[in-house]
Amino acid sequence: MLEGDGVERRRIASAQTGPVVRAHIRAPNGNKLASQLLRDSSGWFDLNDLRVARHVIWEPAELAMCEACLDPDGRIKALNRNERAGAHFDDFQKRLRTEGLPHTRVLSGD
């Protein structure tokens, strides 16, 4: 796991093909914020519109995990991977840098 800097992060996890499986807002009233964001966007939210620090986890294969910490502007601040994700790491970085984050229908909160 990436070490935090004390900033509340929004956790985003995606599956092998890239679509977001879930996005979770960890903050006071995060559940209310998540519901409001989905409601305001007709149930299809662009995660690039979250102007907060984000912690992204991509699981491209069984037991493989790539991670990134993004600043509020979407710039990559830290990257990490486990051994099994080695073959997917370049693709993960490239997609984050060129495409940003995808949309999601699953947004929850604390």
PDB file of N, CA and C in Angstrom:
ATOM      1  N   MET A   1       0.836  -1.181   0.000  1.00  0.00           N
ATOM      2  CA  MET A   1       0.000   0.000   0.000  1.00  0.00           C
ATOM      3  C   MET A   1       0.883   1.246   0.000  1.00  0.00           C
ATOM      4  N   LEU A   2       0.375   2.294  -0.581  1.00  0.00           N
ATOM      5  CA  LEU A   2       1.096   3.558  -0.595  1.00  0.00           C
ATOM      6  C   LEU A   2       0.892   4.258   0.734  1.00  0.00           C
ATOM      7  N   GLU A   3       1.910   4.890   1.197  1.00  0.00           N
ATOM      8  CA  GLU A   3       1.816   5.627   2.452  1.00  0.00           C
ATOM      9  C   GLU A   3       1.076   6.932   2.211  1.00  0.00           C
ATOM     10  N   GLY A   4       0.170   7.259   3.110  1.00  0.00           N
ATOM     11  CA  GLY A   4      -0.605   8.485   2.994  1.00  0.00           C
ATOM     12  C   GLY A   4       0.140   9.662   3.594  1.00  0.00           C
ATOM     13  N   ASP A   5      -0.332  10.842   3.297  1.00  0.00           N
ATOM     14  CA  ASP A   5       0.261  12.056   3.842  1.00  0.00           C
ATOM     15  C   ASP A   5      -0.698  12.724   4.821  1.00  0.00           C
ATOM     16  N   GLY A   6      -1.637  11.931   5.351  1.00  0.00           N
ATOM     17  CA  GLY A   6      -2.613  12.464   6.281  1.00  0.00           C
ATOM     18  C   GLY A   6      -3.841  13.039   5.601  1.00  0.00           C
ATOM     19  N   VAL A   7      -3.858  13.061   4.284  1.00  0.00           N
ATOM     20  CA  VAL A   7      -4.982  13.605   3.533  1.00  0.00           C
ATOM     21  C   VAL A   7      -6.006  12.498   3.326  1.00  0.00           C
ATOM     22  N   GLU A   8      -7.272  12.835   3.526  1.00  0.00           N
ATOM     23  CA  GLU A   8      -8.320  11.871   3.237  1.00  0.00           C
ATOM     24  C   GLU A   8      -8.281  11.569   1.741  1.00  0.00           C
ATOM     25  N   ARG A   9      -8.294  10.314   1.391  1.00  0.00           N
ATOM     26  CA  ARG A   9      -8.236   9.933  -0.014  1.00  0.00           C
ATOM     27  C   ARG A   9      -9.542   9.274  -0.433  1.00  0.00           C
ATOM     28  N   ARG A  10      -9.831   9.365  -1.694  1.00  0.00           N
ATOM     29  CA  ARG A  10     -10.982   8.701  -2.268  1.00  0.00           C
ATOM     30  C   ARG A  10     -10.448   7.468  -2.956  1.00  0.00           C
ATOM     31  N   ARG A  11     -10.940   6.309  -2.593  1.00  0.00           N
ATOM     32  CA  ARG A  11     -10.410   5.049  -3.101  1.00  0.00           C
ATOM     33  C   ARG A  11     -11.214   4.615  -4.314  1.00  0.00           C
ATOM     34  N   ILE A  12     -10.505   4.232  -5.354  1.00  0.00           N
ATOM     35  CA  ILE A  12     -11.119   3.822  -6.605  1.00  0.00           C
ATOM     36  C   ILE A  12     -10.504   2.489  -6.992  1.00  0.00           C
ATOM     37  N   ALA A  13     -11.324   1.478  -7.226  1.00  0.00           N
ATOM     38  CA  ALA A  13     -10.820   0.161  -7.615  1.00  0.00           C
ATOM     39  C   ALA A  13     -11.406  -0.219  -8.966  1.00  0.00           C
ATOM     40  N   SER A  14     -10.592  -0.821  -9.823  1.00  0.00           N
ATOM     41  CA  SER A  14     -11.092  -1.231 -11.132  1.00  0.00           C
ATOM     42  C   SER A  14     -10.673  -2.660 -11.436  1.00  0.00           C
ATOM     43  N   ALA A  15     -11.381  -3.272 -12.355  1.00  0.00           N
ATOM     44  CA  ALA A  15     -11.165  -4.671 -12.705  1.00  0.00           C
ATOM     45  C   ALA A  15     -10.189  -4.793 -13.871  1.00  0.00           C
ATOM     46  N   GLN A  16     -10.027  -6.021 -14.365  1.00  0.00           N
ATOM     47  CA  GLN A  16      -9.058  -6.318 -15.416  1.00  0.00           C
ATOM     48  C   GLN A  16      -9.211  -5.435 -16.644  1.00  0.00           C
ATOM     49  N   THR A  17     -10.419  -5.201 -17.081  1.00  0.00           N
ATOM     50  CA  THR A  17     -10.637  -4.470 -18.319  1.00  0.00           C
ATOM     51  C   THR A  17     -10.616  -2.965 -18.138  1.00  0.00           C
ATOM     52  N   GLY A  18     -10.551  -2.496 -16.915  1.00  0.00           N
ATOM     53  CA  GLY A  18     -10.427  -1.074 -16.690  1.00  0.00           C
ATOM     54  C   GLY A  18     -11.645  -0.372 -16.133  1.00  0.00           C
ATOM     55  N   PRO A  19     -12.879  -0.853 -16.384  1.00  0.00           N
ATOM     56  CA  PRO A  19     -14.004  -0.119 -15.813  1.00  0.00           C
ATOM     57  C   PRO A  19     -13.912  -0.080 -14.290  1.00  0.00           C
ATOM     58  N   VAL A  20     -14.421   0.964 -13.723  1.00  0.00           N
ATOM     59  CA  VAL A  20     -14.366   1.105 -12.271  1.00  0.00           C
ATOM     60  C   VAL A  20     -15.377   0.154 -11.638  1.00  0.00           C
ATOM     61  N   VAL A  21     -14.889  -0.652 -10.732  1.00  0.00           N
ATOM     62  CA  VAL A  21     -15.750  -1.558  -9.995  1.00  0.00           C
ATOM     63  C   VAL A  21     -16.452  -0.793  -8.897  1.00  0.00           C
ATOM     64  N   ARG A  22     -15.688   0.027  -8.199  1.00  0.00           N
ATOM     65  CA  ARG A  22     -16.268   0.828  -7.135  1.00  0.00           C
ATOM     66  C   ARG A  22     -15.377   2.035  -6.857  1.00  0.00           C
ATOM     67  N   ALA A  23     -15.995   3.092  -6.421  1.00  0.00           N
ATOM     68  CA  ALA A  23     -15.273   4.269  -5.955  1.00  0.00           C
ATOM     69  C   ALA A  23     -15.850   4.589  -4.593  1.00  0.00           C
ATOM     70  N   HIS A  24     -14.981   4.875  -3.641  1.00  0.00           N
ATOM     71  CA  HIS A  24     -15.427   5.086  -2.267  1.00  0.00           C
ATOM     72  C   HIS A  24     -14.857   6.400  -1.736  1.00  0.00           C
ATOM     73  N   ILE A  25     -15.721   7.222  -1.187  1.00  0.00           N
ATOM     74  CA  ILE A  25     -15.302   8.488  -0.608  1.00  0.00           C
ATOM     75  C   ILE A  25     -15.152   8.287   0.893  1.00  0.00           C
ATOM     76  N   ARG A  26     -13.936   8.426   1.370  1.00  0.00           N
ATOM     77  CA  ARG A  26     -13.663   8.277   2.797  1.00  0.00           C
ATOM     78  C   ARG A  26     -13.492   9.676   3.381  1.00  0.00           C
ATOM     79  N   ALA A  27     -14.585  10.183   3.914  1.00  0.00           N
ATOM     80  CA  ALA A  27     -14.600  11.534   4.476  1.00  0.00           C
ATOM     81  C   ALA A  27     -15.873  11.672   5.308  1.00  0.00           C
ATOM     82  N   PRO A  28     -15.935  12.677   6.180  1.00  0.00           N
ATOM     83  CA  PRO A  28     -17.175  12.909   6.921  1.00  0.00           C
ATOM     84  C   PRO A  28     -18.345  13.070   5.949  1.00  0.00           C
ATOM     85  N   ASN A  29     -19.418  12.364   6.203  1.00  0.00           N
ATOM     86  CA  ASN A  29     -20.615  12.390   5.342  1.00  0.00           C
ATOM     87  C   ASN A  29     -20.317  11.957   3.911  1.00  0.00           C
ATOM     88  N   GLY A  30     -19.314  11.094   3.740  1.00  0.00           N
ATOM     89  CA  GLY A  30     -18.951  10.620   2.408  1.00  0.00           C
ATOM     90  C   GLY A  30     -20.087   9.911   1.699  1.00  0.00           C
ATOM     91  N   ASN A  31     -20.926   9.211   2.455  1.00  0.00           N
ATOM     92  CA  ASN A  31     -22.060   8.517   1.842  1.00  0.00           C
ATOM     93  C   ASN A  31     -23.063   9.506   1.254  1.00  0.00           C
ATOM     94  N   LYS A  32     -23.288  10.614   1.958  1.00  0.00           N
ATOM     95  CA  LYS A  32     -24.209  11.635   1.441  1.00  0.00           C
ATOM     96  C   LYS A  32     -23.633  12.306   0.199  1.00  0.00           C
ATOM     97  N   LEU A  33     -22.331  12.581   0.225  1.00  0.00           N
ATOM     98  CA  LEU A  33     -21.678  13.190  -0.923  1.00  0.00           C
ATOM     99  C   LEU A  33     -21.737  12.256  -2.131  1.00  0.00           C
ATOM    100  N   ALA A  34     -21.458  10.975  -1.914  1.00  0.00           N
ATOM    101  CA  ALA A  34     -21.501  10.000  -3.011  1.00  0.00           C
ATOM    102  C   ALA A  34     -22.896   9.936  -3.628  1.00  0.00           C
ATOM    103  N   SER A  35     -23.910   9.875  -2.792  1.00  0.00           N
ATOM    104  CA  SER A  35     -25.290   9.833  -3.296  1.00  0.00           C
ATOM    105  C   SER A  35     -25.625  11.088  -4.091  1.00  0.00           C
ATOM    106  N   GLN A  36     -25.218  12.242  -3.574  1.00  0.00           N
ATOM    107  CA  GLN A  36     -25.505  13.504  -4.257  1.00  0.00           C
ATOM    108  C   GLN A  36     -24.792  13.590  -5.598  1.00  0.00           C
ATOM    109  N   LEU A  37     -23.522  13.174  -5.638  1.00  0.00           N
ATOM    110  CA  LEU A  37     -22.766  13.221  -6.898  1.00  0.00           C
ATOM    111  C   LEU A  37     -23.400  12.331  -7.954  1.00  0.00           C
ATOM    112  N   LEU A  38     -23.812  11.128  -7.574  1.00  0.00           N
ATOM    113  CA  LEU A  38     -24.465  10.232  -8.534  1.00  0.00           C
ATOM    114  C   LEU A  38     -25.814  10.793  -8.974  1.00  0.00           C
ATOM    115  N   ARG A  39     -26.553  11.336  -8.050  1.00  0.00           N
ATOM    116  CA  ARG A  39     -27.863  11.909  -8.378  1.00  0.00           C
ATOM    117  C   ARG A  39     -27.703  13.086  -9.347  1.00  0.00           C
ATOM    118  N   ASP A  40     -26.743  13.960  -9.058  1.00  0.00           N
ATOM    119  CA  ASP A  40     -26.532  15.136  -9.913  1.00  0.00           C
ATOM    120  C   ASP A  40     -26.029  14.777 -11.304  1.00  0.00           C
ATOM    121  N   SER A  41     -25.394  13.616 -11.436  1.00  0.00           N
ATOM    122  CA  SER A  41     -24.838  13.224 -12.737  1.00  0.00           C
ATOM    123  C   SER A  41     -25.655  12.119 -13.397  1.00  0.00           C
ATOM    124  N   SER A  42     -26.894  11.958 -12.986  1.00  0.00           N
ATOM    125  CA  SER A  42     -27.812  10.958 -13.546  1.00  0.00           C
ATOM    126  C   SER A  42     -27.268   9.539 -13.415  1.00  0.00           C
ATOM    127  N   GLY A  43     -26.507   9.276 -12.356  1.00  0.00           N
ATOM    128  CA  GLY A  43     -26.051   7.924 -12.071  1.00  0.00           C
ATOM    129  C   GLY A  43     -24.795   7.480 -12.797  1.00  0.00           C
ATOM    130  N   TRP A  44     -24.117   8.381 -13.507  1.00  0.00           N
ATOM    131  CA  TRP A  44     -22.911   8.039 -14.271  1.00  0.00           C
ATOM    132  C   TRP A  44     -21.886   9.127 -14.020  1.00  0.00           C
ATOM    133  N   PHE A  45     -20.990   8.920 -13.033  1.00  0.00           N
ATOM    134  CA  PHE A  45     -20.114   9.985 -12.559  1.00  0.00           C
ATOM    135  C   PHE A  45     -18.709   9.887 -13.142  1.00  0.00           C
ATOM    136  N   ASP A  46     -18.183  11.025 -13.599  1.00  0.00           N
ATOM    137  CA  ASP A  46     -16.817  11.118 -14.118  1.00  0.00           C
ATOM    138  C   ASP A  46     -15.878  11.350 -12.941  1.00  0.00           C
ATOM    139  N   LEU A  47     -15.044  10.364 -12.635  1.00  0.00           N
ATOM    140  CA  LEU A  47     -14.152  10.447 -11.480  1.00  0.00           C
ATOM    141  C   LEU A  47     -13.087  11.535 -11.619  1.00  0.00           C
ATOM    142  N   ASN A  48     -12.846  12.017 -12.823  1.00  0.00           N
ATOM    143  CA  ASN A  48     -11.916  13.127 -13.013  1.00  0.00           C
ATOM    144  C   ASN A  48     -12.486  14.432 -12.460  1.00  0.00           C
ATOM    145  N   ASP A  49     -13.798  14.473 -12.261  1.00  0.00           N
ATOM    146  CA  ASP A  49     -14.438  15.671 -11.720  1.00  0.00           C
ATOM    147  C   ASP A  49     -14.253  15.800 -10.213  1.00  0.00           C
ATOM    148  N   LEU A  50     -13.787  14.743  -9.553  1.00  0.00           N
ATOM    149  CA  LEU A  50     -13.502  14.817  -8.114  1.00  0.00           C
ATOM    150  C   LEU A  50     -12.208  15.601  -7.944  1.00  0.00           C
ATOM    151  N   ARG A  51     -12.278  16.782  -7.457  1.00  0.00           N
ATOM    152  CA  ARG A  51     -11.084  17.622  -7.283  1.00  0.00           C
ATOM    153  C   ARG A  51     -10.520  17.452  -5.878  1.00  0.00           C
ATOM    154  N   VAL A  52     -10.199  16.192  -5.569  1.00  0.00           N
ATOM    155  CA  VAL A  52      -9.625  15.819  -4.273  1.00  0.00           C
ATOM    156  C   VAL A  52      -8.522  14.796  -4.528  1.00  0.00           C
ATOM    157  N   ALA A  53      -7.688  14.556  -3.542  1.00  0.00           N
ATOM    158  CA  ALA A  53      -6.664  13.521  -3.666  1.00  0.00           C
ATOM    159  C   ALA A  53      -7.361  12.169  -3.832  1.00  0.00           C
ATOM    160  N   ARG A  54      -6.804  11.328  -4.696  1.00  0.00           N
ATOM    161  CA  ARG A  54      -7.407  10.024  -4.960  1.00  0.00           C
ATOM    162  C   ARG A  54      -6.376   8.916  -4.857  1.00  0.00           C
ATOM    163  N   HIS A  55      -6.806   7.776  -4.367  1.00  0.00           N
ATOM    164  CA  HIS A  55      -5.981   6.570  -4.284  1.00  0.00           C
ATOM    165  C   HIS A  55      -6.627   5.559  -5.215  1.00  0.00           C
ATOM    166  N   VAL A  56      -5.931   5.210  -6.278  1.00  0.00           N
ATOM    167  CA  VAL A  56      -6.468   4.332  -7.316  1.00  0.00           C
ATOM    168  C   VAL A  56      -5.814   2.963  -7.202  1.00  0.00           C
ATOM    169  N   ILE A  57      -6.631   1.921  -7.225  1.00  0.00           N
ATOM    170  CA  ILE A  57      -6.143   0.542  -7.223  1.00  0.00           C
ATOM    171  C   ILE A  57      -6.684  -0.137  -8.466  1.00  0.00           C
ATOM    172  N   TRP A  58      -5.794  -0.734  -9.242  1.00  0.00           N
ATOM    173  CA  TRP A  58      -6.185  -1.494 -10.429  1.00  0.00           C
ATOM    174  C   TRP A  58      -5.727  -2.921 -10.231  1.00  0.00           C
ATOM    175  N   GLU A  59      -6.642  -3.874 -10.419  1.00  0.00           N
ATOM    176  CA  GLU A  59      -6.339  -5.293 -10.282  1.00  0.00           C
ATOM    177  C   GLU A  59      -6.472  -5.949 -11.658  1.00  0.00           C
ATOM    178  N   PRO A  60      -5.403  -5.907 -12.463  1.00  0.00           N
ATOM    179  CA  PRO A  60      -5.470  -6.358 -13.850  1.00  0.00           C
ATOM    180  C   PRO A  60      -5.490  -7.872 -14.029  1.00  0.00           C
ATOM    181  N   ALA A  61      -5.127  -8.620 -13.015  1.00  0.00           N
ATOM    182  CA  ALA A  61      -5.111 -10.081 -13.081  1.00  0.00           C
ATOM    183  C   ALA A  61      -5.222 -10.603 -11.656  1.00  0.00           C
ATOM    184  N   GLU A  62      -5.438 -11.879 -11.542  1.00  0.00           N
ATOM    185  CA  GLU A  62      -5.561 -12.486 -10.221  1.00  0.00           C
ATOM    186  C   GLU A  62      -4.314 -12.216  -9.382  1.00  0.00           C
ATOM    187  N   LEU A  63      -4.507 -11.660  -8.206  1.00  0.00           N
ATOM    188  CA  LEU A  63      -3.459 -11.332  -7.243  1.00  0.00           C
ATOM    189  C   LEU A  63      -2.500 -10.236  -7.712  1.00  0.00           C
ATOM    190  N   ALA A  64      -2.811  -9.579  -8.817  1.00  0.00           N
ATOM    191  CA  ALA A  64      -1.979  -8.478  -9.320  1.00  0.00           C
ATOM    192  C   ALA A  64      -2.627  -7.156  -8.905  1.00  0.00           C
ATOM    193  N   MET A  65      -1.801  -6.202  -8.457  1.00  0.00           N
ATOM    194  CA  MET A  65      -2.341  -4.923  -8.016  1.00  0.00           C
ATOM    195  C   MET A  65      -1.387  -3.777  -8.354  1.00  0.00           C
ATOM    196  N   CYS A  66      -1.937  -2.764  -9.020  1.00  0.00           N
ATOM    197  CA  CYS A  66      -1.219  -1.518  -9.299  1.00  0.00           C
ATOM    198  C   CYS A  66      -1.927  -0.418  -8.514  1.00  0.00           C
ATOM    199  N   GLU A  67      -1.148   0.517  -7.972  1.00  0.00           N
ATOM    200  CA  GLU A  67      -1.709   1.611  -7.183  1.00  0.00           C
ATOM    201  C   GLU A  67      -1.129   2.945  -7.635  1.00  0.00           C
ATOM    202  N   ALA A  68      -1.942   3.983  -7.469  1.00  0.00           N
ATOM    203  CA  ALA A  68      -1.467   5.338  -7.736  1.00  0.00           C
ATOM    204  C   ALA A  68      -2.149   6.289  -6.764  1.00  0.00           C
ATOM    205  N   CYS A  69      -1.421   7.301  -6.347  1.00  0.00           N
ATOM    206  CA  CYS A  69      -1.999   8.410  -5.591  1.00  0.00           C
ATOM    207  C   CYS A  69      -1.993   9.612  -6.521  1.00  0.00           C
ATOM    208  N   LEU A  70      -3.155  10.225  -6.667  1.00  0.00           N
ATOM    209  CA  LEU A  70      -3.303  11.395  -7.527  1.00  0.00           C
ATOM    210  C   LEU A  70      -3.592  12.620  -6.668  1.00  0.00           C
ATOM    211  N   ASP A  71      -3.067  13.760  -7.068  1.00  0.00           N
ATOM    212  CA  ASP A  71      -3.375  14.988  -6.344  1.00  0.00           C
ATOM    213  C   ASP A  71      -4.748  15.498  -6.809  1.00  0.00           C
ATOM    214  N   PRO A  72      -5.259  16.556  -6.207  1.00  0.00           N
ATOM    215  CA  PRO A  72      -6.587  17.059  -6.591  1.00  0.00           C
ATOM    216  C   PRO A  72      -6.723  17.439  -8.068  1.00  0.00           C
ATOM    217  N   ASP A  73      -5.611  17.743  -8.723  1.00  0.00           N
ATOM    218  CA  ASP A  73      -5.657  18.082 -10.151  1.00  0.00           C
ATOM    219  C   ASP A  73      -5.509  16.865 -11.049  1.00  0.00           C
ATOM    220  N   GLY A  74      -5.395  15.672 -10.454  1.00  0.00           N
ATOM    221  CA  GLY A  74      -5.288  14.445 -11.233  1.00  0.00           C
ATOM    222  C   GLY A  74      -3.871  14.064 -11.615  1.00  0.00           C
ATOM    223  N   ARG A  75      -2.884  14.784 -11.121  1.00  0.00           N
ATOM    224  CA  ARG A  75      -1.491  14.456 -11.407  1.00  0.00           C
ATOM    225  C   ARG A  75      -1.044  13.295 -10.526  1.00  0.00           C
ATOM    226  N   ILE A  76      -0.261  12.408 -11.098  1.00  0.00           N
ATOM    227  CA  ILE A  76       0.242  11.256 -10.362  1.00  0.00           C
ATOM    228  C   ILE A  76       1.317  11.718  -9.386  1.00  0.00           C
ATOM    229  N   LYS A  77       1.146  11.395  -8.118  1.00  0.00           N
ATOM    230  CA  LYS A  77       2.109  11.745  -7.079  1.00  0.00           C
ATOM    231  C   LYS A  77       2.923  10.543  -6.622  1.00  0.00           C
ATOM    232  N   ALA A  78       2.362   9.346  -6.704  1.00  0.00           N
ATOM    233  CA  ALA A  78       3.067   8.133  -6.283  1.00  0.00           C
ATOM    234  C   ALA A  78       2.486   6.940  -7.023  1.00  0.00           C
ATOM    235  N   LEU A  79       3.351   5.993  -7.340  1.00  0.00           N
ATOM    236  CA  LEU A  79       2.956   4.759  -8.028  1.00  0.00           C
ATOM    237  C   LEU A  79       3.558   3.569  -7.294  1.00  0.00           C
ATOM    238  N   ASN A  80       2.846   2.448  -7.346  1.00  0.00           N
ATOM    239  CA  ASN A  80       3.335   1.235  -6.724  1.00  0.00           C
ATOM    240  C   ASN A  80       2.664   0.041  -7.392  1.00  0.00           C
ATOM    241  N   ARG A  81       3.277  -1.119  -7.259  1.00  0.00           N
ATOM    242  CA  ARG A  81       2.689  -2.353  -7.779  1.00  0.00           C
ATOM    243  C   ARG A  81       3.256  -3.519  -6.998  1.00  0.00           C
ATOM    244  N   ASN A  82       2.539  -4.634  -7.056  1.00  0.00           N
ATOM    245  CA  ASN A  82       3.125  -5.844  -6.493  1.00  0.00           C
ATOM    246  C   ASN A  82       3.799  -6.622  -7.625  1.00  0.00           C
ATOM    247  N   GLU A  83       4.479  -7.688  -7.285  1.00  0.00           N
ATOM    248  CA  GLU A  83       5.260  -8.444  -8.265  1.00  0.00           C
ATOM    249  C   GLU A  83       4.409  -8.981  -9.411  1.00  0.00           C
ATOM    250  N   ARG A  84       3.228  -9.448  -9.094  1.00  0.00           N
ATOM    251  CA  ARG A  84       2.360 -10.046 -10.129  1.00  0.00           C
ATOM    252  C   ARG A  84       1.824  -9.018 -11.134  1.00  0.00           C
ATOM    253  N   ALA A  85       1.907  -7.762 -10.810  1.00  0.00           N
ATOM    254  CA  ALA A  85       1.385  -6.722 -11.698  1.00  0.00           C
ATOM    255  C   ALA A  85       2.449  -6.153 -12.630  1.00  0.00           C
ATOM    256  N   GLY A  86       3.652  -6.674 -12.569  1.00  0.00           N
ATOM    257  CA  GLY A  86       4.751  -6.135 -13.368  1.00  0.00           C
ATOM    258  C   GLY A  86       4.443  -5.989 -14.846  1.00  0.00           C
ATOM    259  N   ALA A  87       3.809  -6.982 -15.429  1.00  0.00           N
ATOM    260  CA  ALA A  87       3.513  -6.955 -16.863  1.00  0.00           C
ATOM    261  C   ALA A  87       2.442  -5.934 -17.227  1.00  0.00           C
ATOM    262  N   HIS A  88       1.712  -5.424 -16.240  1.00  0.00           N
ATOM    263  CA  HIS A  88       0.609  -4.501 -16.490  1.00  0.00           C
ATOM    264  C   HIS A  88       0.913  -3.066 -16.069  1.00  0.00           C
ATOM    265  N   PHE A  89       2.033  -2.857 -15.410  1.00  0.00           N
ATOM    266  CA  PHE A  89       2.323  -1.571 -14.781  1.00  0.00           C
ATOM    267  C   PHE A  89       2.474  -0.431 -15.784  1.00  0.00           C
ATOM    268  N   ASP A  90       3.170  -0.670 -16.882  1.00  0.00           N
ATOM    269  CA  ASP A  90       3.338   0.390 -17.893  1.00  0.00           C
ATOM    270  C   ASP A  90       1.994   0.813 -18.468  1.00  0.00           C
ATOM    271  N   ASP A  91       1.119  -0.160 -18.727  1.00  0.00           N
ATOM    272  CA  ASP A  91      -0.212   0.143 -19.256  1.00  0.00           C
ATOM    273  C   ASP A  91      -1.015   0.964 -18.252  1.00  0.00           C
ATOM    274  N   PHE A  92      -0.913   0.608 -16.982  1.00  0.00           N
ATOM    275  CA  PHE A  92      -1.605   1.341 -15.913  1.00  0.00           C
ATOM    276  C   PHE A  92      -1.178   2.800 -15.903  1.00  0.00           C
ATOM    277  N   GLN A  93       0.116   3.035 -15.905  1.00  0.00           N
ATOM    278  CA  GLN A  93       0.631   4.408 -15.881  1.00  0.00           C
ATOM    279  C   GLN A  93       0.211   5.183 -17.128  1.00  0.00           C
ATOM    280  N   LYS A  94       0.349   4.551 -18.275  1.00  0.00           N
ATOM    281  CA  LYS A  94       0.015   5.208 -19.534  1.00  0.00           C
ATOM    282  C   LYS A  94      -1.458   5.618 -19.560  1.00  0.00           C
ATOM    283  N   ARG A  95      -2.329   4.712 -19.151  1.00  0.00           N
ATOM    284  CA  ARG A  95      -3.756   5.012 -19.165  1.00  0.00           C
ATOM    285  C   ARG A  95      -4.106   6.146 -18.198  1.00  0.00           C
ATOM    286  N   LEU A  96      -3.491   6.148 -17.035  1.00  0.00           N
ATOM    287  CA  LEU A  96      -3.752   7.244 -16.095  1.00  0.00           C
ATOM    288  C   LEU A  96      -3.294   8.580 -16.662  1.00  0.00           C
ATOM    289  N   ARG A  97      -2.133   8.583 -17.311  1.00  0.00           N
ATOM    290  CA  ARG A  97      -1.572   9.835 -17.843  1.00  0.00           C
ATOM    291  C   ARG A  97      -2.332  10.341 -19.073  1.00  0.00           C
ATOM    292  N   THR A  98      -2.815   9.449 -19.907  1.00  0.00           N
ATOM    293  CA  THR A  98      -3.452   9.873 -21.155  1.00  0.00           C
ATOM    294  C   THR A  98      -4.968   9.938 -21.080  1.00  0.00           C
ATOM    295  N   GLU A  99      -5.591   9.001 -20.375  1.00  0.00           N
ATOM    296  CA  GLU A  99      -7.052   8.932 -20.345  1.00  0.00           C
ATOM    297  C   GLU A  99      -7.653   9.423 -19.039  1.00  0.00           C
ATOM    298  N   GLY A 100      -6.835   9.508 -17.994  1.00  0.00           N
ATOM    299  CA  GLY A 100      -7.384   9.859 -16.693  1.00  0.00           C
ATOM    300  C   GLY A 100      -8.206   8.709 -16.144  1.00  0.00           C
ATOM    301  N   LEU A 101      -9.153   9.039 -15.316  1.00  0.00           N
ATOM    302  CA  LEU A 101     -10.004   8.027 -14.698  1.00  0.00           C
ATOM    303  C   LEU A 101     -11.313   7.886 -15.463  1.00  0.00           C
ATOM    304  N   PRO A 102     -11.889   6.703 -15.456  1.00  0.00           N
ATOM    305  CA  PRO A 102     -13.154   6.492 -16.164  1.00  0.00           C
ATOM    306  C   PRO A 102     -14.362   6.954 -15.343  1.00  0.00           C
ATOM    307  N   HIS A 103     -15.531   6.775 -15.899  1.00  0.00           N
ATOM    308  CA  HIS A 103     -16.784   7.048 -15.220  1.00  0.00           C
ATOM    309  C   HIS A 103     -17.153   5.841 -14.351  1.00  0.00           C
ATOM    310  N   THR A 104     -18.061   6.062 -13.402  1.00  0.00           N
ATOM    311  CA  THR A 104     -18.549   4.963 -12.571  1.00  0.00           C
ATOM    312  C   THR A 104     -20.017   5.138 -12.245  1.00  0.00           C
ATOM    313  N   ARG A 105     -20.662   4.012 -12.007  1.00  0.00           N
ATOM    314  CA  ARG A 105     -22.042   4.005 -11.511  1.00  0.00           C
ATOM    315  C   ARG A 105     -22.063   3.602 -10.038  1.00  0.00           C
ATOM    316  N   VAL A 106     -20.917   3.148  -9.519  1.00  0.00           N
ATOM    317  CA  VAL A 106     -20.838   2.652  -8.143  1.00  0.00           C
ATOM    318  C   VAL A 106     -19.956   3.602  -7.337  1.00  0.00           C
ATOM    319  N   LEU A 107     -20.595   4.451  -6.574  1.00  0.00           N
ATOM    320  CA  LEU A 107     -19.898   5.423  -5.747  1.00  0.00           C
ATOM    321  C   LEU A 107     -20.505   5.340  -4.351  1.00  0.00           C
ATOM    322  N   SER A 108     -19.658   5.069  -3.358  1.00  0.00           N
ATOM    323  CA  SER A 108     -20.122   4.936  -1.982  1.00  0.00           C
ATOM    324  C   SER A 108     -19.296   5.835  -1.079  1.00  0.00           C
ATOM    325  N   GLY A 109     -19.628   5.864   0.202  1.00  0.00           N
ATOM    326  CA  GLY A 109     -18.888   6.697   1.130  1.00  0.00           C
ATOM    327  C   GLY A 109     -19.074   6.257   2.566  1.00  0.00           C
ATOM    328  N   ASP A 110     -18.202   6.777   3.417  1.00  0.00           N
ATOM    329  CA  ASP A 110     -18.272   6.493   4.860  1.00  0.00           C
ATOM    330  C   ASP A 110     -19.309   7.392   5.506  1.00  0.00           C
TER     331      ASP A 110
END
